[in-house]
Amino acid sequence: MPFERAETSNFDQVSAELRVAPVPTPRLVQLLIARVCTRLPNLDRRESMRIARLIEAGAWTDAALAVIACELPQWSLRRLVYDDGEWLCALSRQLYMPQELDDTADGHHEVAALAILDAFIEARRRTIAPAPRVRTVPQVRASADHAADCDNFS
């Protein structure tokens, strides 16, 4: 089951489908891969086949973690806890930073694998968000009609 590359990413639609899904399905995970992933369709065929076998076997948590490892290697699972009937997942780029200071990508769902994929979508969204352009030095154009000598003659 090779994965196809998506032309556009529609994170909100995939996230909405994921949140209302009662259980993971091959169609849901393939939709997520097609619409959200950019590296996975270009990976070595062995790696994509490994993920496809995990999906076919119903190893949803392993498949979700494999997708994260392939698509976002700089992100890692920081926390996965079950609280009050819901799984809470946090992915982090800085595992050794104190949890209170870390900027994690969080997800939640009644099913652990879908909570992990929900956090993955948030992390993926953050990796493609354009960095804000901050100019620290004002742009000044050179003027040809006024020249100034700035030497100190004292």
Protein backbone atom coordinates (compact mmCIF):
# COMPACT_ATOMS: atom_id res chain seq x y z
CA MET A 1 0.00 0.00 0.00
CA PRO A 2 2.22 2.89 -1.20
CA PHE A 3 1.28 6.33 0.02
CA GLU A 4 0.48 9.11 -2.42
CA ARG A 5 1.72 12.64 -2.04
CA ALA A 6 -0.88 15.26 -1.29
CA GLU A 7 -1.09 18.45 -3.32
CA THR A 8 -2.45 20.55 -0.46
CA SER A 9 -2.65 20.08 3.28
CA ASN A 10 -6.00 20.48 4.96
CA PHE A 11 -5.18 20.07 8.64
CA ASP A 12 -8.54 21.28 9.93
CA GLN A 13 -10.54 18.74 7.93
CA VAL A 14 -8.31 15.82 8.89
CA SER A 15 -8.27 16.94 12.52
CA ALA A 16 -12.07 17.18 12.58
CA GLU A 17 -12.43 13.68 11.11
CA LEU A 18 -9.92 12.31 13.56
CA ARG A 19 -11.68 13.81 16.59
CA VAL A 20 -15.09 12.33 15.71
CA ALA A 21 -13.74 8.89 14.77
CA PRO A 22 -14.60 6.31 17.42
CA VAL A 23 -11.66 4.05 16.47
CA PRO A 24 -8.72 4.25 14.06
CA THR A 25 -9.29 2.83 10.60
CA PRO A 26 -6.93 2.24 7.68
CA ARG A 27 -8.86 4.83 5.64
CA LEU A 28 -8.48 7.48 8.36
CA VAL A 29 -4.74 6.93 8.77
CA GLN A 30 -4.20 6.88 4.99
CA LEU A 31 -6.18 10.12 4.71
CA LEU A 32 -3.98 11.69 7.38
CA ILE A 33 -0.83 10.55 5.59
CA ALA A 34 -2.06 11.78 2.21
CA ARG A 35 -3.14 15.20 3.43
CA VAL A 36 -0.69 16.04 6.21
CA CYS A 37 2.57 14.21 5.49
CA THR A 38 5.18 15.50 3.07
CA ARG A 39 8.21 13.31 3.83
CA LEU A 40 6.48 9.95 4.10
CA PRO A 41 5.45 9.68 0.42
CA ASN A 42 9.10 10.29 -0.56
CA LEU A 43 10.66 7.82 1.86
CA ASP A 44 12.33 4.56 1.06
CA ARG A 45 9.75 1.97 0.00
CA ARG A 46 10.77 -0.30 2.90
CA GLU A 47 9.85 2.32 5.47
CA SER A 48 6.48 3.09 3.92
CA MET A 49 5.76 -0.64 3.63
CA ARG A 50 6.62 -1.09 7.32
CA ILE A 51 4.07 1.56 8.26
CA ALA A 52 1.55 0.02 5.87
CA ARG A 53 2.03 -3.39 7.54
CA LEU A 54 1.49 -1.83 10.98
CA ILE A 55 -1.75 -0.26 9.72
CA GLU A 56 -2.94 -3.53 8.17
CA ALA A 57 -2.15 -5.39 11.41
CA GLY A 58 -4.14 -2.88 13.45
CA ALA A 59 -1.07 -1.82 15.44
CA TRP A 60 -2.38 1.74 15.61
CA THR A 61 -0.13 3.12 18.34
CA ASP A 62 3.00 1.71 16.71
CA ALA A 63 1.86 3.05 13.32
CA ALA A 64 1.22 6.52 14.79
CA LEU A 65 4.65 6.60 16.43
CA ALA A 66 6.28 5.37 13.20
CA VAL A 67 4.57 8.14 11.22
CA ILE A 68 5.90 10.73 13.69
CA ALA A 69 9.41 9.24 13.56
CA CYS A 70 9.44 9.38 9.76
CA GLU A 71 7.63 12.66 9.20
CA LEU A 72 8.88 14.73 12.15
CA PRO A 73 12.13 13.17 13.40
CA GLN A 74 12.88 16.20 15.58
CA TRP A 75 9.67 15.62 17.62
CA SER A 76 9.35 12.93 20.30
CA LEU A 77 6.61 11.60 22.52
CA ARG A 78 6.92 13.45 25.79
CA ARG A 79 3.79 12.35 27.63
CA LEU A 80 0.88 9.98 27.08
CA VAL A 81 -1.55 9.77 30.01
CA TYR A 82 -5.06 8.48 30.51
CA ASP A 83 -7.15 10.89 32.53
CA ASP A 84 -10.90 10.88 33.11
CA GLY A 85 -11.75 8.69 30.10
CA GLU A 86 -9.47 10.46 27.63
CA TRP A 87 -5.89 10.03 26.46
CA LEU A 88 -3.74 13.18 26.57
CA CYS A 89 -0.65 13.24 24.39
CA ALA A 90 2.19 15.74 24.26
CA LEU A 91 4.93 15.82 21.62
CA SER A 92 8.06 17.87 22.19
CA ARG A 93 11.15 19.01 20.34
CA GLN A 94 13.08 19.51 23.60
CA LEU A 95 12.68 16.50 25.89
CA TYR A 96 15.24 17.69 28.43
CA MET A 97 13.58 21.04 29.04
CA PRO A 98 11.41 21.25 32.16
CA GLN A 99 7.84 20.38 31.28
CA GLU A 100 6.54 23.73 32.53
CA LEU A 101 8.75 25.60 30.06
CA ASP A 102 8.37 23.29 27.07
CA ASP A 103 6.19 24.31 24.12
CA THR A 104 4.48 21.01 23.36
CA ALA A 105 2.10 19.98 20.61
CA ASP A 106 -0.87 18.49 22.44
CA GLY A 107 -3.64 16.15 21.37
CA HIS A 108 -6.48 14.30 23.05
CA HIS A 109 -8.92 11.51 22.23
CA GLU A 110 -10.62 8.52 23.83
CA VAL A 111 -8.26 6.23 21.86
CA ALA A 112 -4.51 6.47 22.53
CA ALA A 113 -3.42 6.18 18.88
CA LEU A 114 -5.83 8.91 17.81
CA ALA A 115 -4.59 11.17 20.63
CA ILE A 116 -1.05 10.66 19.31
CA LEU A 117 -2.16 11.46 15.75
CA ASP A 118 -4.03 14.53 17.00
CA ALA A 119 -0.82 15.80 18.62
CA PHE A 120 1.05 14.91 15.40
CA ILE A 121 -1.28 17.13 13.36
CA GLU A 122 -0.64 20.02 15.77
CA ALA A 123 3.14 19.47 15.58
CA ARG A 124 2.99 19.27 11.78
CA ARG A 125 0.97 22.48 11.67
CA ARG A 126 3.67 24.21 13.72
CA THR A 127 6.48 23.03 11.47
CA ILE A 128 4.96 24.57 8.36
CA ALA A 129 3.76 27.82 9.92
CA PRO A 130 5.76 30.65 8.39
CA ALA A 131 8.25 32.23 10.72
CA PRO A 132 7.36 35.81 11.52
CA ARG A 133 9.53 38.32 9.73
CA VAL A 134 11.10 40.55 12.32
CA ARG A 135 13.33 43.34 11.22
CA THR A 136 15.77 44.35 13.91
CA VAL A 137 17.55 46.97 11.82
CA PRO A 138 15.52 49.54 9.91
CA GLN A 139 16.04 49.53 6.16
CA VAL A 140 17.73 52.74 4.98
CA ARG A 141 18.33 53.54 1.35
CA ALA A 142 21.54 55.20 0.34
CA SER A 143 21.06 58.73 -0.88
CA ALA A 144 23.30 59.97 -3.67
CA ASP A 145 22.59 63.69 -3.21
CA HIS A 146 23.72 64.08 0.42
CA ALA A 147 27.08 62.95 1.67
CA ALA A 148 28.23 63.38 5.25
CA ASP A 149 31.65 63.05 6.77
CA CYS A 150 31.45 61.29 10.10
CA ASP A 151 35.10 61.56 11.15
CA ASN A 152 35.93 63.07 14.53
CA PHE A 153 38.41 65.93 13.96
CA SER A 154 38.77 67.05 17.57
